[in-house]
Amino acid sequence: MTTTRVPFVCNYISLVVLRPCSSGHEVLLLKRTGESMHGEWCQIAGGIEPGEKAWETVLREMKEETALTPERLYSADILEQFYEPDRNRISVVPVFVAYVPEGTEPTLNEEHSAWRWVTVEQARELVPFPGQREMLEKVRHYFLDTTPSELLRVPLPSPAG
């Protein structure tokens, strides 16, 4: 008897960017332009390249998609999970949280047509998937309502290299 299995893969990262504002913190959302999720509001996401560590992908994708560099970066200790029917696989995606300075504005690449800074609640209303909404609620709890653990902090490389 042959059984069909659904593989698990970890090929992507997910990044929630936070910036301080007068009412607390805001979340950066980007509007997708490509075939995948065209017109949807999402956090930064991207594929891990061969030989790359997940946190290195975060820094590269953040720079490519928004031209931003984080002041602080954390592993959120959260995994997004979703089934991809076209590939018959389950993607498991590590989530990271980056903080940028107040007043920071992104410069978008061709992958996005618009950006906006919103509250966590607004972000939860704008993103398309239940998993994203759950992830944003966890980010609110562990990174905004409480001080994140330094054990989750990702040391950033020096600007020179």
Protein backbone atom coordinates (compact mmCIF):
# COMPACT_ATOMS: atom_id res chain seq x y z
CA MET A 1 0.00 0.00 0.00
CA THR A 2 1.37 3.37 -1.01
CA THR A 3 0.71 6.40 1.12
CA THR A 4 0.87 9.98 -0.06
CA ARG A 5 2.59 12.38 2.22
CA VAL A 6 2.45 16.15 2.32
CA PRO A 7 5.97 17.49 2.82
CA PHE A 8 6.89 20.33 5.16
CA VAL A 9 9.29 22.94 3.78
CA CYS A 10 10.93 26.03 5.22
CA ASN A 11 11.89 28.17 2.23
CA TYR A 12 10.62 31.60 3.29
CA ILE A 13 10.81 34.21 6.04
CA SER A 14 8.20 36.63 7.32
CA LEU A 15 9.04 40.02 8.83
CA VAL A 16 6.89 42.43 10.81
CA VAL A 17 8.38 45.94 10.86
CA LEU A 18 7.43 48.19 13.79
CA ARG A 19 8.05 51.88 14.29
CA PRO A 20 7.22 54.07 17.29
CA CYS A 21 4.55 56.75 16.99
CA SER A 22 2.67 59.06 19.34
CA SER A 23 0.08 56.38 20.13
CA GLY A 24 2.57 53.50 20.59
CA HIS A 25 3.81 51.57 17.55
CA GLU A 26 2.73 51.09 13.96
CA VAL A 27 3.09 48.09 11.63
CA LEU A 28 4.35 48.42 8.05
CA LEU A 29 2.14 46.79 5.41
CA LEU A 30 3.00 46.51 1.72
CA LYS A 31 0.57 46.06 -1.19
CA ARG A 32 1.68 43.21 -3.49
CA THR A 33 2.00 43.66 -7.26
CA GLY A 34 3.10 40.21 -8.50
CA GLU A 35 0.99 37.26 -9.57
CA SER A 36 1.09 35.81 -6.08
CA MET A 37 -1.38 37.67 -3.86
CA HIS A 38 -1.68 40.64 -6.25
CA GLY A 39 -3.31 43.63 -4.53
CA GLU A 40 -3.13 42.12 -1.02
CA TRP A 41 -1.67 43.90 2.00
CA CYS A 42 1.11 41.89 3.64
CA GLN A 43 4.18 42.09 5.82
CA ILE A 44 7.63 41.65 4.26
CA ALA A 45 8.22 38.08 3.10
CA GLY A 46 10.75 36.39 0.91
CA GLY A 47 12.57 33.27 -0.12
CA ILE A 48 15.68 31.99 1.60
CA GLU A 49 18.53 31.73 -0.91
CA PRO A 50 21.00 28.82 -0.90
CA GLY A 51 23.56 29.19 1.88
CA GLU A 52 21.62 31.99 3.56
CA LYS A 53 20.58 31.95 7.21
CA ALA A 54 16.96 32.97 7.82
CA TRP A 55 17.98 36.21 9.60
CA GLU A 56 20.26 37.07 6.65
CA THR A 57 17.25 36.66 4.36
CA VAL A 58 15.32 39.05 6.61
CA LEU A 59 17.97 41.76 6.25
CA ARG A 60 18.27 41.25 2.48
CA GLU A 61 14.51 41.22 1.87
CA MET A 62 13.98 44.26 4.10
CA LYS A 63 16.63 46.18 2.14
CA GLU A 64 15.38 44.97 -1.28
CA GLU A 65 11.67 45.55 -0.66
CA THR A 66 11.78 48.74 1.43
CA ALA A 67 15.38 50.08 1.51
CA LEU A 68 15.09 49.97 5.33
CA THR A 69 17.61 48.74 7.88
CA PRO A 70 16.48 47.66 11.35
CA GLU A 71 17.67 49.28 14.57
CA ARG A 72 16.86 46.02 16.36
CA LEU A 73 15.91 42.60 15.03
CA TYR A 74 14.30 39.68 16.86
CA SER A 75 13.24 36.16 16.13
CA ALA A 76 9.57 36.30 17.04
CA ASP A 77 9.62 32.66 18.16
CA ILE A 78 6.52 32.27 15.97
CA LEU A 79 6.02 30.10 12.89
CA GLU A 80 3.48 30.87 10.21
CA GLN A 81 2.14 27.66 8.68
CA PHE A 82 0.01 27.20 5.60
CA TYR A 83 -0.86 24.59 3.01
CA GLU A 84 0.00 25.36 -0.63
CA PRO A 85 -2.47 23.34 -2.75
CA ASP A 86 -0.63 24.02 -6.04
CA ARG A 87 2.53 22.46 -4.59
CA ASN A 88 0.85 19.99 -2.20
CA ARG A 89 3.10 21.06 0.63
CA ILE A 90 2.98 22.77 3.97
CA SER A 91 5.18 25.83 4.36
CA VAL A 92 6.56 26.61 7.78
CA VAL A 93 7.81 30.19 7.92
CA PRO A 94 9.85 31.71 10.76
CA VAL A 95 8.63 35.17 11.77
CA PHE A 96 10.97 38.02 12.70
CA VAL A 97 10.28 41.46 14.17
CA ALA A 98 12.31 44.55 13.24
CA TYR A 99 12.16 47.97 14.87
CA VAL A 100 12.91 51.12 12.86
CA PRO A 101 13.08 54.74 14.07
CA GLU A 102 10.06 57.01 14.39
CA GLY A 103 9.25 58.79 11.13
CA THR A 104 10.89 56.11 8.97
CA GLU A 105 9.38 55.73 5.50
CA PRO A 106 10.15 52.93 3.03
CA THR A 107 11.22 53.14 -0.59
CA LEU A 108 9.50 50.29 -2.42
CA ASN A 109 10.83 48.04 -5.16
CA GLU A 110 8.70 46.64 -8.01
CA GLU A 111 7.19 43.91 -5.80
CA HIS A 112 4.83 46.41 -4.15
CA SER A 113 2.66 49.30 -5.31
CA ALA A 114 1.96 50.99 -1.97
CA TRP A 115 2.84 51.02 1.71
CA ARG A 116 1.15 52.16 4.87
CA TRP A 117 1.86 52.34 8.57
CA VAL A 118 -1.12 51.08 10.55
CA THR A 119 -2.05 49.93 14.04
CA VAL A 120 -1.89 46.20 14.76
CA GLU A 121 -5.70 46.13 14.76
CA GLN A 122 -5.85 47.82 11.34
CA ALA A 123 -3.20 45.42 10.04
CA ARG A 124 -5.25 42.45 11.27
CA GLU A 125 -8.22 43.76 9.28
CA LEU A 126 -6.19 44.31 6.10
CA VAL A 127 -4.20 41.06 5.78
CA PRO A 128 -5.92 38.22 3.91
CA PHE A 129 -5.18 35.12 6.02
CA PRO A 130 -6.23 33.97 9.50
CA GLY A 131 -2.64 32.86 10.19
CA GLN A 132 -1.40 36.40 9.56
CA ARG A 133 -3.98 37.81 11.94
CA GLU A 134 -2.95 35.33 14.66
CA MET A 135 0.71 36.12 14.07
CA LEU A 136 0.08 39.87 14.37
CA GLU A 137 -1.78 39.34 17.65
CA LYS A 138 1.20 37.40 19.02
CA VAL A 139 3.57 40.14 17.86
CA ARG A 140 1.40 42.69 19.67
CA HIS A 141 1.50 40.67 22.88
CA TYR A 142 5.20 39.70 22.89
CA PHE A 143 6.76 42.77 21.24
CA LEU A 144 4.49 45.72 22.05
CA ASP A 145 2.53 44.91 25.23
CA THR A 146 5.64 43.44 26.87
CA THR A 147 9.38 43.88 26.42
CA PRO A 148 10.77 41.20 24.11
CA SER A 149 13.26 38.77 25.58
CA GLU A 150 16.87 39.58 24.78
CA LEU A 151 17.28 35.85 24.14
CA LEU A 152 15.31 36.39 20.91
CA ARG A 153 17.47 39.29 19.71
CA VAL A 154 19.41 38.73 16.51
CA PRO A 155 22.80 40.48 16.61
CA LEU A 156 23.06 42.80 13.62
CA PRO A 157 26.23 42.94 11.56
CA SER A 158 28.21 46.15 11.78
CA PRO A 159 27.40 48.65 9.02
CA ALA A 160 30.85 48.06 7.49
CA GLY A 161 30.21 44.41 6.92
